[in-house]
């Protein structure tokens, strides 16, 4: 009981746009406890602190859900963690504990619907419709200064499907990769603008399979580390914002899916897939989030 397994989530396909040939050193690590019954919140946070990563803890389901998940970073508990949810359900599949096409997971931010993609051998999790809030010009200027951006105008907005992230549109991938933020005051800034992290991004060239590509980086408010290799809920918020703003192409009436590449400057390349989700009545219903997962050697 309470044994920790290590996996890597959103591991990037080594050739781009495929499904199986992945780079085992990429993605975002998840320390995962398969049976967290009996663990206190303090014990869970200690696991996250010991490993230095977002950690997931699987508990028995309740209220009509198959499982309950809790998430911790070294400094606190999180209501929701996209890549840890994808990783936990993928591991449950590998262990033979999840054999149905779909599942329901309870998190502190609400119920997450999960489906298994047998063709890609991937987990897809639901996220609700995005919520956005414009920032005052003075707040946008503070964000730009925090990222040490050159003088200019950078569209900046708070967006969330669960936790709030501050999206910052940059004109080039080179500028994105060249960012050297001021980490000493990151927590104070994010608290002031009611955000859990800054998420600058830049549009890239489409992948070989035609999927729209976005490059991104994530600087969390107070997780216990300065940068994140893959941030699922930020990618979901980004897709929701781009779709709502009409910045994504439509095919056959559906908004385009995107691939978000993150972690390159950290030496841990990741790929997060985000696709539109529709209700049984055919109405837009948030998005689906997915990516490759692999057992970790470190």
C-alpha atoms as a PDB file:
ATOM      1  CA  UNK A   1       0.000   0.000   0.000  1.00  0.00           C
ATOM      2  CA  UNK A   2       1.112   3.590  -0.740  1.00  0.00           C
ATOM      3  CA  UNK A   3       3.912   2.433  -3.065  1.00  0.00           C
ATOM      4  CA  UNK A   4       5.003   5.131  -5.518  1.00  0.00           C
ATOM      5  CA  UNK A   5       5.200   4.420  -9.273  1.00  0.00           C
ATOM      6  CA  UNK A   6       6.856   6.815 -11.711  1.00  0.00           C
ATOM      7  CA  UNK A   7       5.467   7.631 -15.156  1.00  0.00           C
ATOM      8  CA  UNK A   8       6.000  10.375 -17.713  1.00  0.00           C
ATOM      9  CA  UNK A   9       2.987  12.054 -19.266  1.00  0.00           C
ATOM     10  CA  UNK A  10       2.622  13.967 -22.547  1.00  0.00           C
ATOM     11  CA  UNK A  11       5.836  12.385 -23.837  1.00  0.00           C
ATOM     12  CA  UNK A  12       6.523  13.796 -27.284  1.00  0.00           C
ATOM     13  CA  UNK A  13       6.492  11.586 -30.338  1.00  0.00           C
ATOM     14  CA  UNK A  14      10.059  11.546 -31.655  1.00  0.00           C
ATOM     15  CA  UNK A  15       8.916  12.215 -35.222  1.00  0.00           C
ATOM     16  CA  UNK A  16       5.932  14.467 -34.481  1.00  0.00           C
ATOM     17  CA  UNK A  17       2.253  13.687 -34.966  1.00  0.00           C
ATOM     18  CA  UNK A  18       2.471   9.920 -34.448  1.00  0.00           C
ATOM     19  CA  UNK A  19       1.323   7.710 -31.624  1.00  0.00           C
ATOM     20  CA  UNK A  20       3.952   5.205 -30.488  1.00  0.00           C
ATOM     21  CA  UNK A  21       7.577   6.256 -31.170  1.00  0.00           C
ATOM     22  CA  UNK A  22       8.150   8.440 -28.119  1.00  0.00           C
ATOM     23  CA  UNK A  23      11.139  10.063 -26.499  1.00  0.00           C
ATOM     24  CA  UNK A  24      11.402   8.359 -23.102  1.00  0.00           C
ATOM     25  CA  UNK A  25      13.242  11.295 -21.513  1.00  0.00           C
ATOM     26  CA  UNK A  26      10.534  13.840 -22.328  1.00  0.00           C
ATOM     27  CA  UNK A  27       7.160  14.657 -20.872  1.00  0.00           C
ATOM     28  CA  UNK A  28       6.300  15.581 -17.301  1.00  0.00           C
ATOM     29  CA  UNK A  29       7.080  13.084 -14.518  1.00  0.00           C
ATOM     30  CA  UNK A  30       4.269  11.969 -12.201  1.00  0.00           C
ATOM     31  CA  UNK A  31       4.939  10.142  -8.943  1.00  0.00           C
ATOM     32  CA  UNK A  32       1.754   8.066  -8.615  1.00  0.00           C
ATOM     33  CA  UNK A  33       0.379   6.225  -5.577  1.00  0.00           C
ATOM     34  CA  UNK A  34      -1.953   3.481  -6.798  1.00  0.00           C
ATOM     35  CA  UNK A  35      -3.663   2.996  -3.421  1.00  0.00           C
ATOM     36  CA  UNK A  36      -3.595   6.091  -1.239  1.00  0.00           C
ATOM     37  CA  UNK A  37      -6.043   4.834   1.389  1.00  0.00           C
ATOM     38  CA  UNK A  38      -4.875   5.782   4.849  1.00  0.00           C
ATOM     39  CA  UNK A  39      -2.547   8.548   3.663  1.00  0.00           C
ATOM     40  CA  UNK A  40      -2.915  11.952   5.286  1.00  0.00           C
ATOM     41  CA  UNK A  41      -2.664  15.182   3.303  1.00  0.00           C
ATOM     42  CA  UNK A  42       0.692  15.788   4.975  1.00  0.00           C
ATOM     43  CA  UNK A  43       1.975  12.386   3.817  1.00  0.00           C
ATOM     44  CA  UNK A  44       0.819  13.093   0.260  1.00  0.00           C
ATOM     45  CA  UNK A  45       2.528  16.462   0.208  1.00  0.00           C
ATOM     46  CA  UNK A  46       5.701  14.837   1.564  1.00  0.00           C
ATOM     47  CA  UNK A  47       5.718  12.497  -1.460  1.00  0.00           C
ATOM     48  CA  UNK A  48       5.450  15.469  -3.825  1.00  0.00           C
ATOM     49  CA  UNK A  49       8.227  17.266  -1.947  1.00  0.00           C
ATOM     50  CA  UNK A  50      10.501  14.216  -2.005  1.00  0.00           C
ATOM     51  CA  UNK A  51      10.137  13.793  -5.775  1.00  0.00           C
ATOM     52  CA  UNK A  52       9.860  17.486  -6.665  1.00  0.00           C
ATOM     53  CA  UNK A  53       6.931  16.995  -9.058  1.00  0.00           C
ATOM     54  CA  UNK A  54       3.150  17.124  -9.202  1.00  0.00           C
ATOM     55  CA  UNK A  55       2.052  13.845  -7.635  1.00  0.00           C
ATOM     56  CA  UNK A  56      -1.230  11.932  -7.931  1.00  0.00           C
ATOM     57  CA  UNK A  57      -2.984   9.752  -5.366  1.00  0.00           C
ATOM     58  CA  UNK A  58      -5.684   7.236  -6.312  1.00  0.00           C
ATOM     59  CA  UNK A  59      -8.548   6.651  -3.870  1.00  0.00           C
ATOM     60  CA  UNK A  60     -11.770   4.615  -4.091  1.00  0.00           C
ATOM     61  CA  UNK A  61     -14.599   6.287  -5.952  1.00  0.00           C
ATOM     62  CA  UNK A  62     -17.772   7.723  -4.436  1.00  0.00           C
ATOM     63  CA  UNK A  63     -20.880   9.637  -5.498  1.00  0.00           C
ATOM     64  CA  UNK A  64     -21.146   7.653  -8.752  1.00  0.00           C
ATOM     65  CA  UNK A  65     -17.469   8.032  -9.687  1.00  0.00           C
ATOM     66  CA  UNK A  66     -15.093   5.158 -10.364  1.00  0.00           C
ATOM     67  CA  UNK A  67     -12.125   6.734  -8.550  1.00  0.00           C
ATOM     68  CA  UNK A  68     -11.194   9.834  -6.645  1.00  0.00           C
ATOM     69  CA  UNK A  69      -7.897  11.608  -7.337  1.00  0.00           C
ATOM     70  CA  UNK A  70      -5.935  14.025  -5.166  1.00  0.00           C
ATOM     71  CA  UNK A  71      -2.976  16.046  -6.426  1.00  0.00           C
ATOM     72  CA  UNK A  72      -0.072  17.675  -4.606  1.00  0.00           C
ATOM     73  CA  UNK A  73       2.925  19.773  -5.562  1.00  0.00           C
ATOM     74  CA  UNK A  74       5.806  20.245  -3.109  1.00  0.00           C
ATOM     75  CA  UNK A  75       4.160  23.272  -1.488  1.00  0.00           C
ATOM     76  CA  UNK A  76       0.398  22.602  -1.533  1.00  0.00           C
ATOM     77  CA  UNK A  77      -2.577  20.559  -2.767  1.00  0.00           C
ATOM     78  CA  UNK A  78      -4.096  21.282  -6.200  1.00  0.00           C
ATOM     79  CA  UNK A  79      -7.763  20.962  -7.118  1.00  0.00           C
ATOM     80  CA  UNK A  80      -6.950  19.495 -10.530  1.00  0.00           C
ATOM     81  CA  UNK A  81      -3.906  18.358 -12.498  1.00  0.00           C
ATOM     82  CA  UNK A  82      -4.433  17.444 -16.151  1.00  0.00           C
ATOM     83  CA  UNK A  83      -1.280  15.461 -16.869  1.00  0.00           C
ATOM     84  CA  UNK A  84      -1.499  13.566 -13.573  1.00  0.00           C
ATOM     85  CA  UNK A  85      -5.112  12.575 -14.345  1.00  0.00           C
ATOM     86  CA  UNK A  86      -4.127  11.326 -17.807  1.00  0.00           C
ATOM     87  CA  UNK A  87      -1.210   9.438 -16.266  1.00  0.00           C
ATOM     88  CA  UNK A  88      -3.211   7.891 -13.433  1.00  0.00           C
ATOM     89  CA  UNK A  89      -5.895   6.538 -15.778  1.00  0.00           C
ATOM     90  CA  UNK A  90      -3.266   5.233 -18.211  1.00  0.00           C
ATOM     91  CA  UNK A  91      -1.583   3.382 -15.342  1.00  0.00           C
ATOM     92  CA  UNK A  92      -4.915   1.951 -14.165  1.00  0.00           C
ATOM     93  CA  UNK A  93      -5.385   0.653 -17.705  1.00  0.00           C
ATOM     94  CA  UNK A  94      -1.947  -0.968 -17.725  1.00  0.00           C
ATOM     95  CA  UNK A  95      -2.579  -2.566 -14.334  1.00  0.00           C
ATOM     96  CA  UNK A  96      -5.886  -4.029 -15.546  1.00  0.00           C
ATOM     97  CA  UNK A  97      -7.921  -2.078 -13.015  1.00  0.00           C
ATOM     98  CA  UNK A  98      -9.783  -0.089 -15.683  1.00  0.00           C
ATOM     99  CA  UNK A  99     -11.294  -2.104 -18.539  1.00  0.00           C
ATOM    100  CA  UNK A 100     -14.380  -0.126 -19.579  1.00  0.00           C
ATOM    101  CA  UNK A 101     -14.485   2.364 -22.492  1.00  0.00           C
ATOM    102  CA  UNK A 102     -15.177   5.293 -20.146  1.00  0.00           C
ATOM    103  CA  UNK A 103     -14.839   6.269 -16.505  1.00  0.00           C
ATOM    104  CA  UNK A 104     -15.744   9.092 -14.140  1.00  0.00           C
ATOM    105  CA  UNK A 105     -13.163  10.604 -11.800  1.00  0.00           C
ATOM    106  CA  UNK A 106     -13.865  12.898  -8.871  1.00  0.00           C
ATOM    107  CA  UNK A 107     -11.389  15.703  -8.256  1.00  0.00           C
ATOM    108  CA  UNK A 108     -11.562  18.741  -6.001  1.00  0.00           C
ATOM    109  CA  UNK A 109     -12.445  20.858  -9.057  1.00  0.00           C
ATOM    110  CA  UNK A 110     -15.303  18.575 -10.137  1.00  0.00           C
ATOM    111  CA  UNK A 111     -16.047  15.372 -12.025  1.00  0.00           C
ATOM    112  CA  UNK A 112     -13.811  14.495 -14.989  1.00  0.00           C
ATOM    113  CA  UNK A 113     -15.104  12.213 -17.762  1.00  0.00           C
ATOM    114  CA  UNK A 114     -12.475   9.847 -19.154  1.00  0.00           C
ATOM    115  CA  UNK A 115     -12.431   7.745 -22.311  1.00  0.00           C
ATOM    116  CA  UNK A 116      -9.964   5.190 -23.644  1.00  0.00           C
ATOM    117  CA  UNK A 117      -8.774   5.572 -27.237  1.00  0.00           C
ATOM    118  CA  UNK A 118      -8.005   1.989 -28.235  1.00  0.00           C
ATOM    119  CA  UNK A 119      -6.550   2.998 -31.605  1.00  0.00           C
ATOM    120  CA  UNK A 120      -3.989   5.403 -30.184  1.00  0.00           C
ATOM    121  CA  UNK A 121      -3.771   3.610 -26.826  1.00  0.00           C
ATOM    122  CA  UNK A 122      -4.287   6.947 -25.113  1.00  0.00           C
ATOM    123  CA  UNK A 123      -6.433   8.386 -22.350  1.00  0.00           C
ATOM    124  CA  UNK A 124      -8.609  11.418 -23.063  1.00  0.00           C
ATOM    125  CA  UNK A 125      -9.987  13.482 -20.170  1.00  0.00           C
ATOM    126  CA  UNK A 126     -12.667  16.153 -20.267  1.00  0.00           C
ATOM    127  CA  UNK A 127     -12.322  19.799 -19.361  1.00  0.00           C
ATOM    128  CA  UNK A 128     -15.246  22.245 -19.233  1.00  0.00           C
ATOM    129  CA  UNK A 129     -15.735  25.352 -21.325  1.00  0.00           C
ATOM    130  CA  UNK A 130     -13.095  28.019 -20.790  1.00  0.00           C
ATOM    131  CA  UNK A 131     -13.664  31.057 -18.599  1.00  0.00           C
ATOM    132  CA  UNK A 132     -11.708  34.187 -19.467  1.00  0.00           C
ATOM    133  CA  UNK A 133     -11.084  37.537 -17.822  1.00  0.00           C
ATOM    134  CA  UNK A 134      -9.346  40.525 -19.355  1.00  0.00           C
ATOM    135  CA  UNK A 135      -6.551  42.183 -17.410  1.00  0.00           C
ATOM    136  CA  UNK A 136      -6.119  45.914 -16.938  1.00  0.00           C
ATOM    137  CA  UNK A 137      -3.335  47.517 -19.012  1.00  0.00           C
ATOM    138  CA  UNK A 138      -1.336  48.051 -15.826  1.00  0.00           C
ATOM    139  CA  UNK A 139      -1.544  44.322 -15.009  1.00  0.00           C
ATOM    140  CA  UNK A 140      -0.520  43.394 -18.562  1.00  0.00           C
ATOM    141  CA  UNK A 141       2.491  45.663 -18.202  1.00  0.00           C
ATOM    142  CA  UNK A 142       3.444  43.942 -14.929  1.00  0.00           C
ATOM    143  CA  UNK A 143       3.227  40.526 -16.603  1.00  0.00           C
ATOM    144  CA  UNK A 144       5.447  41.705 -19.464  1.00  0.00           C
ATOM    145  CA  UNK A 145       7.968  43.073 -16.976  1.00  0.00           C
ATOM    146  CA  UNK A 146       7.878  39.811 -15.005  1.00  0.00           C
ATOM    147  CA  UNK A 147       8.791  37.916 -18.185  1.00  0.00           C
ATOM    148  CA  UNK A 148      11.400  40.578 -19.011  1.00  0.00           C
ATOM    149  CA  UNK A 149       9.858  41.128 -22.424  1.00  0.00           C
ATOM    150  CA  UNK A 150      11.072  43.969 -24.630  1.00  0.00           C
ATOM    151  CA  UNK A 151       8.825  46.992 -24.951  1.00  0.00           C
ATOM    152  CA  UNK A 152       5.725  46.197 -26.971  1.00  0.00           C
ATOM    153  CA  UNK A 153       2.141  44.979 -26.807  1.00  0.00           C
ATOM    154  CA  UNK A 154       1.525  41.330 -25.871  1.00  0.00           C
ATOM    155  CA  UNK A 155      -2.118  40.165 -25.694  1.00  0.00           C
ATOM    156  CA  UNK A 156      -2.604  38.908 -22.139  1.00  0.00           C
ATOM    157  CA  UNK A 157      -5.681  37.268 -20.596  1.00  0.00           C
ATOM    158  CA  UNK A 158      -6.579  35.080 -17.638  1.00  0.00           C
ATOM    159  CA  UNK A 159      -8.186  31.819 -18.737  1.00  0.00           C
ATOM    160  CA  UNK A 160      -9.295  28.678 -16.929  1.00  0.00           C
ATOM    161  CA  UNK A 161     -11.000  25.339 -17.308  1.00  0.00           C
ATOM    162  CA  UNK A 162     -10.048  24.632 -13.684  1.00  0.00           C
ATOM    163  CA  UNK A 163      -7.099  26.623 -12.281  1.00  0.00           C
ATOM    164  CA  UNK A 164      -6.551  30.115 -13.724  1.00  0.00           C
ATOM    165  CA  UNK A 165      -3.540  30.593 -16.012  1.00  0.00           C
ATOM    166  CA  UNK A 166      -2.382  33.870 -17.546  1.00  0.00           C
ATOM    167  CA  UNK A 167      -1.977  33.451 -21.301  1.00  0.00           C
ATOM    168  CA  UNK A 168       0.562  35.719 -23.003  1.00  0.00           C
ATOM    169  CA  UNK A 169       0.710  35.742 -26.824  1.00  0.00           C
ATOM    170  CA  UNK A 170       4.236  36.205 -28.180  1.00  0.00           C
ATOM    171  CA  UNK A 171       5.175  36.931 -31.808  1.00  0.00           C
ATOM    172  CA  UNK A 172       7.784  34.193 -32.201  1.00  0.00           C
ATOM    173  CA  UNK A 173       8.941  30.861 -30.838  1.00  0.00           C
ATOM    174  CA  UNK A 174      12.461  32.282 -30.524  1.00  0.00           C
ATOM    175  CA  UNK A 175      11.205  34.985 -28.154  1.00  0.00           C
ATOM    176  CA  UNK A 176       9.328  32.364 -26.136  1.00  0.00           C
ATOM    177  CA  UNK A 177      12.386  30.144 -25.737  1.00  0.00           C
ATOM    178  CA  UNK A 178      14.538  33.149 -24.882  1.00  0.00           C
ATOM    179  CA  UNK A 179      12.439  34.203 -21.874  1.00  0.00           C
ATOM    180  CA  UNK A 180      14.298  34.649 -18.588  1.00  0.00           C
ATOM    181  CA  UNK A 181      11.577  35.603 -16.085  1.00  0.00           C
ATOM    182  CA  UNK A 182      12.070  37.261 -12.729  1.00  0.00           C
ATOM    183  CA  UNK A 183      11.262  34.331 -10.445  1.00  0.00           C
ATOM    184  CA  UNK A 184      11.870  36.231  -7.217  1.00  0.00           C
ATOM    185  CA  UNK A 185       8.531  38.015  -7.415  1.00  0.00           C
ATOM    186  CA  UNK A 186       6.534  35.467  -9.454  1.00  0.00           C
ATOM    187  CA  UNK A 187       4.295  34.478  -6.540  1.00  0.00           C
ATOM    188  CA  UNK A 188       3.490  38.074  -5.646  1.00  0.00           C
ATOM    189  CA  UNK A 189       2.569  38.977  -9.221  1.00  0.00           C
ATOM    190  CA  UNK A 190       0.411  35.897  -9.808  1.00  0.00           C
ATOM    191  CA  UNK A 191      -1.392  36.465  -6.509  1.00  0.00           C
ATOM    192  CA  UNK A 192      -2.069  40.086  -7.480  1.00  0.00           C
ATOM    193  CA  UNK A 193      -3.635  39.106 -10.810  1.00  0.00           C
ATOM    194  CA  UNK A 194      -5.481  36.054  -9.389  1.00  0.00           C
ATOM    195  CA  UNK A 195      -3.509  33.526 -11.446  1.00  0.00           C
ATOM    196  CA  UNK A 196      -1.764  30.241 -10.655  1.00  0.00           C
ATOM    197  CA  UNK A 197       0.922  30.769 -13.286  1.00  0.00           C
ATOM    198  CA  UNK A 198       2.056  32.576 -16.426  1.00  0.00           C
ATOM    199  CA  UNK A 199       1.627  30.693 -19.721  1.00  0.00           C
ATOM    200  CA  UNK A 200       3.362  32.517 -22.598  1.00  0.00           C
ATOM    201  CA  UNK A 201       2.883  30.915 -26.011  1.00  0.00           C
ATOM    202  CA  UNK A 202       3.662  31.348 -29.711  1.00  0.00           C
ATOM    203  CA  UNK A 203       2.088  29.755 -32.777  1.00  0.00           C
ATOM    204  CA  UNK A 204       4.260  27.308 -34.719  1.00  0.00           C
ATOM    205  CA  UNK A 205       4.092  25.617 -38.107  1.00  0.00           C
ATOM    206  CA  UNK A 206       1.445  22.859 -38.386  1.00  0.00           C
ATOM    207  CA  UNK A 207       2.606  19.288 -37.795  1.00  0.00           C
ATOM    208  CA  UNK A 208       2.996  16.825 -40.658  1.00  0.00           C
ATOM    209  CA  UNK A 209      -0.508  15.482 -40.008  1.00  0.00           C
ATOM    210  CA  UNK A 210      -1.992  19.000 -40.246  1.00  0.00           C
ATOM    211  CA  UNK A 211      -2.568  19.541 -36.530  1.00  0.00           C
ATOM    212  CA  UNK A 212      -2.114  23.157 -35.444  1.00  0.00           C
ATOM    213  CA  UNK A 213       0.993  23.555 -33.289  1.00  0.00           C
ATOM    214  CA  UNK A 214       1.436  25.946 -30.364  1.00  0.00           C
ATOM    215  CA  UNK A 215       4.666  26.303 -28.384  1.00  0.00           C
ATOM    216  CA  UNK A 216       4.308  27.232 -24.702  1.00  0.00           C
ATOM    217  CA  UNK A 217       6.073  27.553 -21.361  1.00  0.00           C
ATOM    218  CA  UNK A 218       4.572  27.567 -17.865  1.00  0.00           C
ATOM    219  CA  UNK A 219       5.902  29.457 -14.853  1.00  0.00           C
ATOM    220  CA  UNK A 220       3.844  28.465 -11.795  1.00  0.00           C
ATOM    221  CA  UNK A 221       2.940  30.801  -8.973  1.00  0.00           C
ATOM    222  CA  UNK A 222       4.165  28.725  -6.023  1.00  0.00           C
ATOM    223  CA  UNK A 223       4.556  25.034  -6.821  1.00  0.00           C
ATOM    224  CA  UNK A 224       8.091  24.607  -5.514  1.00  0.00           C
ATOM    225  CA  UNK A 225       9.847  24.703  -8.914  1.00  0.00           C
ATOM    226  CA  UNK A 226      10.280  27.567 -11.420  1.00  0.00           C
ATOM    227  CA  UNK A 227       9.009  25.954 -14.641  1.00  0.00           C
ATOM    228  CA  UNK A 228       6.748  23.084 -15.670  1.00  0.00           C
ATOM    229  CA  UNK A 229       7.502  20.673 -18.528  1.00  0.00           C
ATOM    230  CA  UNK A 230       3.844  20.027 -19.437  1.00  0.00           C
ATOM    231  CA  UNK A 231       0.700  21.688 -18.108  1.00  0.00           C
ATOM    232  CA  UNK A 232      -2.515  20.046 -19.244  1.00  0.00           C
ATOM    233  CA  UNK A 233      -5.049  22.418 -17.737  1.00  0.00           C
ATOM    234  CA  UNK A 234      -3.119  25.403 -19.121  1.00  0.00           C
ATOM    235  CA  UNK A 235      -3.165  23.824 -22.586  1.00  0.00           C
ATOM    236  CA  UNK A 236      -6.926  23.244 -22.243  1.00  0.00           C
ATOM    237  CA  UNK A 237      -7.445  26.875 -21.242  1.00  0.00           C
ATOM    238  CA  UNK A 238      -5.292  27.991 -24.170  1.00  0.00           C
ATOM    239  CA  UNK A 239      -7.290  25.903 -26.645  1.00  0.00           C
ATOM    240  CA  UNK A 240     -10.546  27.257 -25.199  1.00  0.00           C
ATOM    241  CA  UNK A 241      -9.354  30.835 -25.506  1.00  0.00           C
ATOM    242  CA  UNK A 242      -8.071  30.409 -29.065  1.00  0.00           C
ATOM    243  CA  UNK A 243     -11.277  28.654 -30.113  1.00  0.00           C
ATOM    244  CA  UNK A 244     -13.542  31.250 -28.476  1.00  0.00           C
ATOM    245  CA  UNK A 245     -11.548  34.086 -30.062  1.00  0.00           C
ATOM    246  CA  UNK A 246     -11.873  32.516 -33.526  1.00  0.00           C
ATOM    247  CA  UNK A 247      -8.126  31.989 -33.825  1.00  0.00           C
ATOM    248  CA  UNK A 248      -8.354  28.297 -34.763  1.00  0.00           C
ATOM    249  CA  UNK A 249      -9.425  26.996 -38.161  1.00  0.00           C
ATOM    250  CA  UNK A 250     -12.662  25.059 -38.557  1.00  0.00           C
ATOM    251  CA  UNK A 251     -13.043  21.809 -40.465  1.00  0.00           C
ATOM    252  CA  UNK A 252     -16.525  20.531 -41.223  1.00  0.00           C
ATOM    253  CA  UNK A 253     -17.974  22.868 -38.624  1.00  0.00           C
ATOM    254  CA  UNK A 254     -15.648  21.700 -35.834  1.00  0.00           C
ATOM    255  CA  UNK A 255     -12.919  23.811 -34.271  1.00  0.00           C
ATOM    256  CA  UNK A 256      -9.442  22.464 -35.000  1.00  0.00           C
ATOM    257  CA  UNK A 257      -7.490  20.402 -32.494  1.00  0.00           C
ATOM    258  CA  UNK A 258      -4.073  21.582 -31.350  1.00  0.00           C
ATOM    259  CA  UNK A 259      -0.800  20.104 -30.185  1.00  0.00           C
ATOM    260  CA  UNK A 260       0.997  22.114 -27.503  1.00  0.00           C
ATOM    261  CA  UNK A 261       4.774  21.652 -27.328  1.00  0.00           C
ATOM    262  CA  UNK A 262       6.227  22.513 -23.952  1.00  0.00           C
ATOM    263  CA  UNK A 263       9.356  21.662 -21.966  1.00  0.00           C
ATOM    264  CA  UNK A 264      11.930  22.235 -24.726  1.00  0.00           C
ATOM    265  CA  UNK A 265      13.978  24.766 -22.761  1.00  0.00           C
ATOM    266  CA  UNK A 266      14.024  22.322 -19.833  1.00  0.00           C
ATOM    267  CA  UNK A 267      15.348  19.412 -21.901  1.00  0.00           C
ATOM    268  CA  UNK A 268      12.059  17.548 -21.353  1.00  0.00           C
ATOM    269  CA  UNK A 269      10.045  17.970 -24.569  1.00  0.00           C
ATOM    270  CA  UNK A 270       6.328  17.324 -24.194  1.00  0.00           C
ATOM    271  CA  UNK A 271       3.290  17.227 -26.464  1.00  0.00           C
ATOM    272  CA  UNK A 272      -0.211  17.906 -25.152  1.00  0.00           C
ATOM    273  CA  UNK A 273      -3.153  17.159 -27.453  1.00  0.00           C
ATOM    274  CA  UNK A 274      -6.367  19.164 -27.099  1.00  0.00           C
ATOM    275  CA  UNK A 275      -9.505  18.467 -29.149  1.00  0.00           C
ATOM    276  CA  UNK A 276     -13.057  19.869 -29.148  1.00  0.00           C
ATOM    277  CA  UNK A 277     -15.681  18.024 -27.133  1.00  0.00           C
ATOM    278  CA  UNK A 278     -19.395  17.908 -27.929  1.00  0.00           C
ATOM    279  CA  UNK A 279     -22.436  16.863 -25.935  1.00  0.00           C
ATOM    280  CA  UNK A 280     -24.785  14.089 -27.039  1.00  0.00           C
ATOM    281  CA  UNK A 281     -26.938  16.829 -28.559  1.00  0.00           C
ATOM    282  CA  UNK A 282     -23.984  18.037 -30.634  1.00  0.00           C
ATOM    283  CA  UNK A 283     -23.436  21.223 -28.644  1.00  0.00           C
ATOM    284  CA  UNK A 284     -19.900  22.421 -27.762  1.00  0.00           C
ATOM    285  CA  UNK A 285     -18.958  21.028 -24.355  1.00  0.00           C
ATOM    286  CA  UNK A 286     -15.408  22.073 -23.505  1.00  0.00           C
ATOM    287  CA  UNK A 287     -12.524  19.973 -24.724  1.00  0.00           C
ATOM    288  CA  UNK A 288     -10.670  16.670 -24.515  1.00  0.00           C
ATOM    289  CA  UNK A 289      -7.088  16.477 -23.281  1.00  0.00           C
ATOM    290  CA  UNK A 290      -4.621  13.683 -24.110  1.00  0.00           C
ATOM    291  CA  UNK A 291      -1.060  12.644 -24.886  1.00  0.00           C
ATOM    292  CA  UNK A 292       1.432   9.798 -24.768  1.00  0.00           C
ATOM    293  CA  UNK A 293       2.391   8.201 -21.452  1.00  0.00           C
ATOM    294  CA  UNK A 294       5.366   5.966 -20.625  1.00  0.00           C
ATOM    295  CA  UNK A 295       6.852   4.322 -17.565  1.00  0.00           C
ATOM    296  CA  UNK A 296       9.695   6.413 -16.201  1.00  0.00           C
ATOM    297  CA  UNK A 297      13.227   5.292 -15.470  1.00  0.00           C
ATOM    298  CA  UNK A 298      13.947   8.369 -13.347  1.00  0.00           C
END
